[in-house]
């Protein structure tokens, strides 16, 4: 009998060293620039039906994450949201995960920081994807597949 590998079980990028963030990260298309208004962010959050947006600076580098919950207080004071820019709000900022970071270490860091998502950036700060706490937990709970006979 041969053990089989499930199609969506990732292979470690560095054999013998375990899973990395690159093995678990996912793409995320919902982004906003830090000079966009809170109104614009709220419009995107509503229309895309997402809980968070990644924030980019004027050079396109990842600056952080703004959440629907974090913008809740601005929805109450709607008269000011057309003037307040995302960069002036309190939102999750770096440091961010990097693709070669061990997944177990990233999961611990996310747990300590109480993060549900964590942007993954390259060495220049450009966004590569996101790591979610749920995805990390699922992948770390999956026992490694062993090839061979029983």
C-alpha atoms as a PDB file:
ATOM      1  CA  UNK A   1       0.000   0.000   0.000  1.00  0.00           C
ATOM      2  CA  UNK A   2       1.358   3.405  -1.002  1.00  0.00           C
ATOM      3  CA  UNK A   3       0.545   6.649   0.763  1.00  0.00           C
ATOM      4  CA  UNK A   4      -0.746   9.299  -1.597  1.00  0.00           C
ATOM      5  CA  UNK A   5      -0.404  13.030  -1.353  1.00  0.00           C
ATOM      6  CA  UNK A   6      -3.516  15.184  -1.532  1.00  0.00           C
ATOM      7  CA  UNK A   7      -3.509  17.610  -4.478  1.00  0.00           C
ATOM      8  CA  UNK A   8      -3.577  20.786  -2.379  1.00  0.00           C
ATOM      9  CA  UNK A   9      -1.035  19.706   0.223  1.00  0.00           C
ATOM     10  CA  UNK A  10       2.016  21.918  -0.389  1.00  0.00           C
ATOM     11  CA  UNK A  11       5.517  20.606  -0.743  1.00  0.00           C
ATOM     12  CA  UNK A  12       8.142  22.249   1.435  1.00  0.00           C
ATOM     13  CA  UNK A  13      10.190  24.828  -0.473  1.00  0.00           C
ATOM     14  CA  UNK A  14      13.243  23.755   1.508  1.00  0.00           C
ATOM     15  CA  UNK A  15      13.171  19.968   1.864  1.00  0.00           C
ATOM     16  CA  UNK A  16      14.009  18.859   5.367  1.00  0.00           C
ATOM     17  CA  UNK A  17      13.281  22.257   6.881  1.00  0.00           C
ATOM     18  CA  UNK A  18       9.483  22.275   6.857  1.00  0.00           C
ATOM     19  CA  UNK A  19       6.946  24.560   5.328  1.00  0.00           C
ATOM     20  CA  UNK A  20       7.632  28.221   4.658  1.00  0.00           C
ATOM     21  CA  UNK A  21       5.348  31.224   4.316  1.00  0.00           C
ATOM     22  CA  UNK A  22       5.745  30.898   0.529  1.00  0.00           C
ATOM     23  CA  UNK A  23       4.087  27.476   0.750  1.00  0.00           C
ATOM     24  CA  UNK A  24       1.033  28.952   2.472  1.00  0.00           C
ATOM     25  CA  UNK A  25       0.614  32.472   1.127  1.00  0.00           C
ATOM     26  CA  UNK A  26      -2.316  33.344  -1.079  1.00  0.00           C
ATOM     27  CA  UNK A  27      -2.841  36.169  -3.568  1.00  0.00           C
ATOM     28  CA  UNK A  28      -4.932  39.157  -2.495  1.00  0.00           C
ATOM     29  CA  UNK A  29      -6.275  41.605  -5.056  1.00  0.00           C
ATOM     30  CA  UNK A  30      -7.963  44.136  -2.800  1.00  0.00           C
ATOM     31  CA  UNK A  31      -5.580  47.016  -2.225  1.00  0.00           C
ATOM     32  CA  UNK A  32      -5.796  50.745  -1.700  1.00  0.00           C
ATOM     33  CA  UNK A  33      -3.228  53.536  -1.696  1.00  0.00           C
ATOM     34  CA  UNK A  34      -2.444  55.353   1.525  1.00  0.00           C
ATOM     35  CA  UNK A  35      -3.606  58.664   0.030  1.00  0.00           C
ATOM     36  CA  UNK A  36      -7.102  57.309  -0.761  1.00  0.00           C
ATOM     37  CA  UNK A  37      -9.941  58.496   1.436  1.00  0.00           C
ATOM     38  CA  UNK A  38     -11.753  56.527   4.101  1.00  0.00           C
ATOM     39  CA  UNK A  39     -14.902  56.900   1.960  1.00  0.00           C
ATOM     40  CA  UNK A  40     -13.138  55.128  -0.920  1.00  0.00           C
ATOM     41  CA  UNK A  41     -11.924  52.345   1.383  1.00  0.00           C
ATOM     42  CA  UNK A  42     -15.420  51.830   2.768  1.00  0.00           C
ATOM     43  CA  UNK A  43     -16.828  51.691  -0.776  1.00  0.00           C
ATOM     44  CA  UNK A  44     -14.325  48.989  -1.767  1.00  0.00           C
ATOM     45  CA  UNK A  45     -14.902  46.989   1.414  1.00  0.00           C
ATOM     46  CA  UNK A  46     -18.666  47.037   0.829  1.00  0.00           C
ATOM     47  CA  UNK A  47     -18.644  46.355  -2.905  1.00  0.00           C
ATOM     48  CA  UNK A  48     -16.034  43.581  -2.707  1.00  0.00           C
ATOM     49  CA  UNK A  49     -17.591  42.160   0.478  1.00  0.00           C
ATOM     50  CA  UNK A  50     -14.182  41.779   2.140  1.00  0.00           C
ATOM     51  CA  UNK A  51     -13.060  42.500   5.699  1.00  0.00           C
ATOM     52  CA  UNK A  52      -9.710  44.126   4.921  1.00  0.00           C
ATOM     53  CA  UNK A  53      -7.669  45.955   2.290  1.00  0.00           C
ATOM     54  CA  UNK A  54      -3.917  46.000   1.877  1.00  0.00           C
ATOM     55  CA  UNK A  55      -2.506  49.523   1.954  1.00  0.00           C
ATOM     56  CA  UNK A  56       0.216  50.596  -0.494  1.00  0.00           C
ATOM     57  CA  UNK A  57       2.358  53.731  -0.336  1.00  0.00           C
ATOM     58  CA  UNK A  58       2.967  56.094  -3.277  1.00  0.00           C
ATOM     59  CA  UNK A  59       5.778  53.815  -4.558  1.00  0.00           C
ATOM     60  CA  UNK A  60       3.557  50.718  -4.494  1.00  0.00           C
ATOM     61  CA  UNK A  61       5.197  49.157  -1.441  1.00  0.00           C
ATOM     62  CA  UNK A  62       3.051  47.494   1.180  1.00  0.00           C
ATOM     63  CA  UNK A  63       2.343  49.803   4.095  1.00  0.00           C
ATOM     64  CA  UNK A  64      -0.153  47.751   6.051  1.00  0.00           C
ATOM     65  CA  UNK A  65      -3.708  46.539   6.380  1.00  0.00           C
ATOM     66  CA  UNK A  66      -6.887  48.497   6.974  1.00  0.00           C
ATOM     67  CA  UNK A  67      -9.930  46.602   8.237  1.00  0.00           C
ATOM     68  CA  UNK A  68     -13.657  47.166   8.126  1.00  0.00           C
ATOM     69  CA  UNK A  69     -13.611  47.104  11.940  1.00  0.00           C
ATOM     70  CA  UNK A  70     -10.812  49.676  12.053  1.00  0.00           C
ATOM     71  CA  UNK A  71     -12.825  52.066   9.894  1.00  0.00           C
ATOM     72  CA  UNK A  72     -16.054  51.596  11.865  1.00  0.00           C
ATOM     73  CA  UNK A  73     -15.573  54.793  13.883  1.00  0.00           C
ATOM     74  CA  UNK A  74     -15.183  56.776  10.651  1.00  0.00           C
ATOM     75  CA  UNK A  75     -18.509  55.500   9.306  1.00  0.00           C
ATOM     76  CA  UNK A  76     -20.214  57.081  12.314  1.00  0.00           C
ATOM     77  CA  UNK A  77     -18.688  60.490  11.490  1.00  0.00           C
ATOM     78  CA  UNK A  78     -19.441  60.342   7.765  1.00  0.00           C
ATOM     79  CA  UNK A  79     -19.078  64.105   7.304  1.00  0.00           C
ATOM     80  CA  UNK A  80     -15.294  63.753   7.637  1.00  0.00           C
ATOM     81  CA  UNK A  81     -14.590  60.555   5.719  1.00  0.00           C
ATOM     82  CA  UNK A  82     -14.287  62.331   2.376  1.00  0.00           C
ATOM     83  CA  UNK A  83     -11.256  64.248   3.700  1.00  0.00           C
ATOM     84  CA  UNK A  84      -9.424  61.698   5.855  1.00  0.00           C
ATOM     85  CA  UNK A  85      -6.851  59.593   4.033  1.00  0.00           C
ATOM     86  CA  UNK A  86      -6.082  55.999   4.906  1.00  0.00           C
ATOM     87  CA  UNK A  87      -2.473  56.878   5.761  1.00  0.00           C
ATOM     88  CA  UNK A  88      -3.763  59.032   8.635  1.00  0.00           C
ATOM     89  CA  UNK A  89      -5.854  56.244  10.175  1.00  0.00           C
ATOM     90  CA  UNK A  90      -4.706  53.777  12.756  1.00  0.00           C
ATOM     91  CA  UNK A  91      -4.130  50.528  10.893  1.00  0.00           C
ATOM     92  CA  UNK A  92      -1.910  47.463  11.059  1.00  0.00           C
ATOM     93  CA  UNK A  93       1.583  48.314   9.834  1.00  0.00           C
ATOM     94  CA  UNK A  94       4.782  46.313   9.381  1.00  0.00           C
ATOM     95  CA  UNK A  95       6.929  44.432   9.960  1.00  0.00           C
ATOM     96  CA  UNK A  96       5.548  41.923   7.511  1.00  0.00           C
ATOM     97  CA  UNK A  97       6.173  38.276   6.766  1.00  0.00           C
ATOM     98  CA  UNK A  98       8.688  37.246   4.122  1.00  0.00           C
ATOM     99  CA  UNK A  99       8.405  34.177   1.883  1.00  0.00           C
ATOM    100  CA  UNK A 100      11.388  32.258   3.287  1.00  0.00           C
ATOM    101  CA  UNK A 101      10.206  32.566   6.890  1.00  0.00           C
ATOM    102  CA  UNK A 102       9.271  29.252   8.486  1.00  0.00           C
ATOM    103  CA  UNK A 103       5.511  28.753   8.567  1.00  0.00           C
ATOM    104  CA  UNK A 104       5.542  27.567  12.187  1.00  0.00           C
ATOM    105  CA  UNK A 105       7.430  30.709  13.249  1.00  0.00           C
ATOM    106  CA  UNK A 106       5.027  32.910  11.258  1.00  0.00           C
ATOM    107  CA  UNK A 107       2.036  31.206  12.898  1.00  0.00           C
ATOM    108  CA  UNK A 108       3.510  31.881  16.348  1.00  0.00           C
ATOM    109  CA  UNK A 109       4.185  35.529  15.460  1.00  0.00           C
ATOM    110  CA  UNK A 110       0.625  35.928  14.187  1.00  0.00           C
ATOM    111  CA  UNK A 111      -0.768  34.396  17.350  1.00  0.00           C
ATOM    112  CA  UNK A 112       1.341  36.668  19.581  1.00  0.00           C
ATOM    113  CA  UNK A 113       0.393  39.770  17.551  1.00  0.00           C
ATOM    114  CA  UNK A 114      -3.243  38.598  17.296  1.00  0.00           C
ATOM    115  CA  UNK A 115      -3.209  38.848  13.508  1.00  0.00           C
ATOM    116  CA  UNK A 116      -5.706  37.038  11.307  1.00  0.00           C
ATOM    117  CA  UNK A 117      -3.876  38.065   8.142  1.00  0.00           C
ATOM    118  CA  UNK A 118      -0.307  39.102   7.513  1.00  0.00           C
ATOM    119  CA  UNK A 119       1.028  40.643   4.292  1.00  0.00           C
ATOM    120  CA  UNK A 120       3.968  38.820   2.711  1.00  0.00           C
ATOM    121  CA  UNK A 121       6.512  41.113   1.043  1.00  0.00           C
ATOM    122  CA  UNK A 122       9.735  40.754  -0.905  1.00  0.00           C
ATOM    123  CA  UNK A 123      13.052  42.274   0.191  1.00  0.00           C
ATOM    124  CA  UNK A 124      12.034  45.626  -1.349  1.00  0.00           C
ATOM    125  CA  UNK A 125       8.685  45.769   0.461  1.00  0.00           C
ATOM    126  CA  UNK A 126       6.459  44.895  -2.503  1.00  0.00           C
ATOM    127  CA  UNK A 127       3.478  42.703  -1.802  1.00  0.00           C
ATOM    128  CA  UNK A 128       3.702  39.045  -2.799  1.00  0.00           C
ATOM    129  CA  UNK A 129       0.522  37.808  -1.107  1.00  0.00           C
ATOM    130  CA  UNK A 130      -1.027  37.282   2.304  1.00  0.00           C
ATOM    131  CA  UNK A 131      -0.768  34.660   4.976  1.00  0.00           C
ATOM    132  CA  UNK A 132      -3.935  33.921   6.914  1.00  0.00           C
ATOM    133  CA  UNK A 133      -3.936  32.411  10.381  1.00  0.00           C
ATOM    134  CA  UNK A 134      -6.531  29.874   9.245  1.00  0.00           C
ATOM    135  CA  UNK A 135      -4.423  28.683   6.288  1.00  0.00           C
ATOM    136  CA  UNK A 136      -1.299  28.414   8.450  1.00  0.00           C
ATOM    137  CA  UNK A 137      -3.177  26.418  11.093  1.00  0.00           C
ATOM    138  CA  UNK A 138      -4.587  24.007   8.509  1.00  0.00           C
ATOM    139  CA  UNK A 139      -1.224  23.402   6.835  1.00  0.00           C
ATOM    140  CA  UNK A 140       0.621  22.968  10.108  1.00  0.00           C
ATOM    141  CA  UNK A 141      -1.990  20.446  11.264  1.00  0.00           C
ATOM    142  CA  UNK A 142      -1.586  18.293   8.136  1.00  0.00           C
ATOM    143  CA  UNK A 143       0.883  15.482   8.844  1.00  0.00           C
ATOM    144  CA  UNK A 144       3.589  15.105   6.213  1.00  0.00           C
ATOM    145  CA  UNK A 145       2.891  12.482   3.552  1.00  0.00           C
ATOM    146  CA  UNK A 146       5.285   9.534   3.499  1.00  0.00           C
ATOM    147  CA  UNK A 147       5.996   7.629   0.339  1.00  0.00           C
ATOM    148  CA  UNK A 148       6.699   3.966   0.543  1.00  0.00           C
ATOM    149  CA  UNK A 149       5.092   0.647   1.248  1.00  0.00           C
ATOM    150  CA  UNK A 150       3.371  -0.592   4.369  1.00  0.00           C
END
